[in-house]
Amino acid sequence: MSKSKTVFLCSSCGGQTQKWAGQCPHCHEWNVLKETMVNRGGDRYQSLSITDALIPIGAIKASEEARFSTHSSELDRVLGGGLVRGGVVLIGGDPGIGKSTLLLQAMSAMSEHHKAIYVSGEESSQQIGLRAQRLDLKSEKLLLLSEIQINRILETLNREKPDVVVI
């Protein structure tokens, strides 16, 4: 049976430290360290916080979340009226069907109203720039990061504090 120990994980950058501190030593964000159990010899984490009890789904008091527009009427329709602040949307599909093109168009439009960063781990900046030119996008305000290392991506996002991110 493996022994467990307590570590503190940063909810912002994922960094790990042995002692609690008010500021994460990795990303320098405040009040983001959460006490977590880790099994020695494994990479399996378990939260120390008590999880919610099982409740009937009918007992949940549902409310509409405020949404903001992607400035693409069809994408807004598919998303139920737009994006929810703090929400995550996964867009999937076969290669070549236009996921990157759709998101580049939406991010270009959103960058006129929000601080937006498009992160690509697959395509180079030049490839994305050429696509934006072919689509005749007004993308002067859209920021682009072509990067595959998650720590560098998180550092950039923590530093820039964008409203909207596509990865």
Protein backbone atom coordinates (compact mmCIF):
# COMPACT_ATOMS: atom_id res chain seq x y z
CA MET A 1 0.00 0.00 0.00
CA SER A 2 1.44 3.39 -0.98
CA LYS A 3 1.85 6.14 1.60
CA SER A 4 0.17 9.50 1.14
CA LYS A 5 1.58 12.94 1.77
CA THR A 6 0.23 16.46 1.61
CA VAL A 7 1.34 18.92 -1.06
CA PHE A 8 -0.01 22.27 -2.16
CA LEU A 9 -1.07 22.64 -5.81
CA CYS A 10 -1.60 25.97 -7.55
CA SER A 11 -5.07 26.20 -9.08
CA SER A 12 -3.74 28.80 -11.52
CA CYS A 13 -0.57 27.25 -13.00
CA GLY A 14 -0.56 23.70 -11.59
CA GLY A 15 2.72 24.25 -9.75
CA GLN A 16 3.44 22.17 -6.64
CA THR A 17 5.06 23.14 -3.35
CA GLN A 18 5.60 21.36 -0.03
CA LYS A 19 4.43 24.25 2.17
CA TRP A 20 1.46 26.58 2.00
CA ALA A 21 2.17 30.19 1.14
CA GLY A 22 -0.03 33.15 0.33
CA GLN A 23 1.61 33.48 -3.09
CA CYS A 24 2.40 30.69 -5.57
CA PRO A 25 6.20 30.51 -5.98
CA HIS A 26 5.79 29.53 -9.64
CA CYS A 27 3.28 31.97 -11.16
CA HIS A 28 3.23 34.54 -8.31
CA GLU A 29 -0.60 34.57 -8.12
CA TRP A 30 -2.09 35.16 -4.66
CA ASN A 31 -4.34 32.75 -2.70
CA VAL A 32 -4.27 29.94 -5.28
CA LEU A 33 -2.54 27.12 -3.35
CA LYS A 34 -4.86 24.23 -2.41
CA GLU A 35 -3.92 21.42 -0.02
CA THR A 36 -3.98 18.07 -1.81
CA MET A 37 -3.08 14.46 -1.00
CA VAL A 38 -0.63 12.68 -3.28
CA ASN A 39 0.17 8.97 -3.18
CA ARG A 40 3.92 8.36 -3.13
CA GLY A 41 5.07 6.30 -6.06
CA GLY A 42 2.15 7.48 -8.13
CA ASP A 43 0.95 10.59 -9.84
CA ARG A 44 -2.59 10.38 -8.52
CA TYR A 45 -4.04 13.40 -6.70
CA GLN A 46 -7.00 13.43 -4.39
CA SER A 47 -8.65 16.56 -3.05
CA LEU A 48 -8.87 17.12 0.69
CA SER A 49 -12.09 19.09 0.37
CA ILE A 50 -15.38 17.36 1.03
CA THR A 51 -17.31 16.75 -2.17
CA ASP A 52 -20.99 17.54 -2.56
CA ALA A 53 -23.42 14.83 -1.54
CA LEU A 54 -25.61 13.14 -4.11
CA ILE A 55 -28.74 15.16 -4.77
CA PRO A 56 -31.68 14.61 -7.09
CA ILE A 57 -31.22 16.59 -10.29
CA GLY A 58 -34.74 18.00 -9.89
CA ALA A 59 -33.68 19.65 -6.62
CA ILE A 60 -31.09 21.83 -8.36
CA LYS A 61 -32.11 25.46 -8.63
CA ALA A 62 -31.04 26.18 -12.19
CA SER A 63 -30.55 29.71 -13.42
CA GLU A 64 -29.48 31.18 -16.71
CA GLU A 65 -25.88 32.33 -16.84
CA ALA A 66 -25.05 35.65 -18.44
CA ARG A 67 -23.55 35.12 -21.88
CA PHE A 68 -21.54 37.29 -24.21
CA SER A 69 -21.59 37.14 -27.96
CA THR A 70 -18.92 35.57 -30.14
CA HIS A 71 -20.12 37.99 -32.84
CA SER A 72 -20.94 34.98 -35.02
CA SER A 73 -24.71 34.45 -35.02
CA GLU A 74 -24.47 30.75 -35.89
CA LEU A 75 -21.79 30.02 -33.28
CA ASP A 76 -23.81 31.95 -30.68
CA ARG A 77 -26.87 29.87 -31.60
CA VAL A 78 -24.96 26.58 -31.17
CA LEU A 79 -23.58 27.80 -27.83
CA GLY A 80 -27.04 28.64 -26.50
CA GLY A 81 -26.66 32.39 -26.91
CA GLY A 82 -22.92 32.90 -26.61
CA LEU A 83 -20.08 32.14 -24.22
CA VAL A 84 -20.40 31.97 -20.44
CA ARG A 85 -17.65 33.84 -18.55
CA GLY A 86 -15.29 31.26 -17.07
CA GLY A 87 -16.81 28.46 -19.13
CA VAL A 88 -14.97 25.99 -21.30
CA VAL A 89 -16.14 24.87 -24.74
CA LEU A 90 -14.60 21.91 -26.56
CA ILE A 91 -14.95 22.01 -30.33
CA GLY A 92 -14.13 18.72 -32.02
CA GLY A 93 -14.40 17.14 -35.41
CA ASP A 94 -12.50 15.53 -38.23
CA PRO A 95 -9.33 17.17 -39.56
CA GLY A 96 -9.91 19.81 -42.20
CA ILE A 97 -13.57 20.59 -41.49
CA GLY A 98 -12.86 24.19 -40.46
CA LYS A 99 -12.55 24.24 -36.66
CA SER A 100 -9.48 26.50 -36.70
CA THR A 101 -10.97 28.74 -39.39
CA LEU A 102 -14.25 29.12 -37.47
CA LEU A 103 -12.42 29.92 -34.23
CA LEU A 104 -10.04 32.36 -35.90
CA GLN A 105 -13.01 34.23 -37.38
CA ALA A 106 -14.83 34.28 -34.04
CA MET A 107 -11.72 35.35 -32.11
CA SER A 108 -11.03 38.11 -34.62
CA ALA A 109 -14.55 39.48 -34.12
CA MET A 110 -14.39 39.10 -30.32
CA SER A 111 -11.01 40.87 -30.19
CA GLU A 112 -12.78 44.09 -31.21
CA HIS A 113 -14.72 43.98 -27.91
CA HIS A 114 -12.60 41.80 -25.57
CA LYS A 115 -8.92 41.09 -24.93
CA ALA A 116 -8.51 37.85 -26.91
CA ILE A 117 -5.60 35.42 -27.28
CA TYR A 118 -5.46 32.61 -29.84
CA VAL A 119 -3.04 29.87 -28.75
CA SER A 120 -1.89 27.28 -31.28
CA GLY A 121 0.20 24.25 -30.47
CA GLU A 122 -0.01 22.82 -33.96
CA GLU A 123 0.16 25.60 -36.52
CA SER A 124 2.89 28.21 -36.80
CA SER A 125 2.23 31.91 -36.46
CA GLN A 126 2.88 32.28 -40.19
CA GLN A 127 0.23 29.69 -41.07
CA ILE A 128 -2.36 31.38 -38.89
CA GLY A 129 -1.38 34.83 -40.21
CA LEU A 130 -1.81 33.63 -43.80
CA ARG A 131 -5.24 32.21 -42.99
CA ALA A 132 -6.27 35.51 -41.40
CA GLN A 133 -5.13 37.36 -44.55
CA ARG A 134 -7.00 34.95 -46.85
CA LEU A 135 -10.15 35.47 -44.77
CA ASP A 136 -9.57 39.25 -44.81
CA LEU A 137 -9.95 39.41 -41.04
CA LYS A 138 -9.61 42.65 -39.14
CA SER A 139 -7.29 41.11 -36.59
CA GLU A 140 -5.03 43.92 -35.39
CA LYS A 141 -6.25 43.45 -31.80
CA LEU A 142 -6.17 39.63 -31.79
CA LEU A 143 -3.08 38.32 -29.98
CA LEU A 144 -1.47 35.09 -31.17
CA LEU A 145 0.76 32.64 -29.31
CA SER A 146 2.22 29.63 -31.10
CA GLU A 147 3.51 27.47 -28.25
CA ILE A 148 3.42 23.83 -27.08
CA GLN A 149 4.83 24.13 -23.56
CA ILE A 150 1.95 24.46 -21.11
CA ASN A 151 4.02 26.38 -18.55
CA ARG A 152 4.85 29.08 -21.12
CA ILE A 153 1.20 29.25 -22.18
CA LEU A 154 0.06 29.63 -18.57
CA GLU A 155 2.72 32.26 -17.87
CA THR A 156 1.51 34.28 -20.87
CA LEU A 157 -2.15 33.96 -19.89
CA ASN A 158 -1.41 34.92 -16.28
CA ARG A 159 0.59 37.93 -17.43
CA GLU A 160 -1.82 39.14 -20.13
CA LYS A 161 -5.12 38.34 -18.34
CA PRO A 162 -7.24 37.92 -21.49
CA ASP A 163 -11.06 37.87 -21.49
CA VAL A 164 -11.23 35.14 -24.16
CA VAL A 165 -8.75 32.36 -24.98
CA VAL A 166 -8.75 29.71 -27.71
CA ILE A 167 -6.26 26.88 -27.34
